[in-house]
Amino acid sequence: MIAYPETAPQDEETAELVRTLRADVLPSLSDRTGAEYLVGGPTAAAQDFADSVADRMPLFIAVVVGLSALLLMVVFRSLLIPLKAAVLNLLSIAAALGAITLVFQDGRFGAQPGPIESFVPVMIFAIVFGLSMDYEVFLVSRMHEEWERARDSAHAVREGLAATGKVITAAAAIMIVVFGAFVLSPDRMLQQFGLGLAVAVLLDAVVIRCLIVPAIMRLLGDRAWWLPAPLARALPRVALERPDA
């Protein structure tokens, strides 16, 4: 049977209708008739996909963040740097998703309000987390080189930021322009990608990597490079720097 709801496919009322049919209407009908009833269509399929993504999202985030933190711990021989990197990366991702929600779900700045594509948050999380981790490794590895050479945390922060700040800003500017061009596309999905990635890269490169990370590293001082002795003995040694650096 084909039924046409009074609301649009993207409206929340249509998704609520699918949930009401599945949870309230059809189970009682199945009990009376003995038949099995299923709800299909674009809205139901989108709702099923969104629910499946939401169920697996915590595991996805835990695996990505956990493995990244473990790799940073091995490379930099530090416990606090991986924790800092994970928190700040999640901060930039949250800001990007918040911008998408504000514009495309709430309909601010002249955008048509509606649902966000269910796979967009997953893709943005994966892409932004990878980019953020690249910036983190690039910046902190330079600090680590100076720390290993001089054992002066303040000097390491200054030299690391001075050596990599311009490169990070230039690379981020290029990506912001590229991602921002997606916003001009007539496709709503590409607009969501473009806005989310552009906002994330802007905040991550300018605010987080050039301001927050150096400030945190300066406040931590020598403690930034602390690793408990049992972990230090258990973890292998992996060097990013050249032997003669």
Foldseek 3Di string as FASTA:
>chain_A
DDDDDPDDLQDPVNLVVQVCCVPPNQVVVCVVPVDDDDDDDDSVVQVVVLVVCVVCVVVVLCVVLVVLLVVCCQALVFNVLSVVLSVVLVVLLVVLVVVLCVCAQVPPPNHDHGDARSCLSVVLSVVSSVVLSVLSCQQVLQLSVVCVVPVWQLVSLVRSCVVCLVVLVVVLVVLLVVLCVLCVDPDPNSVSRSSSNNSSSVCSNPPNSNPVVSVVSVVCISNRSDHDPVVVVVRDHDYPDDPVD
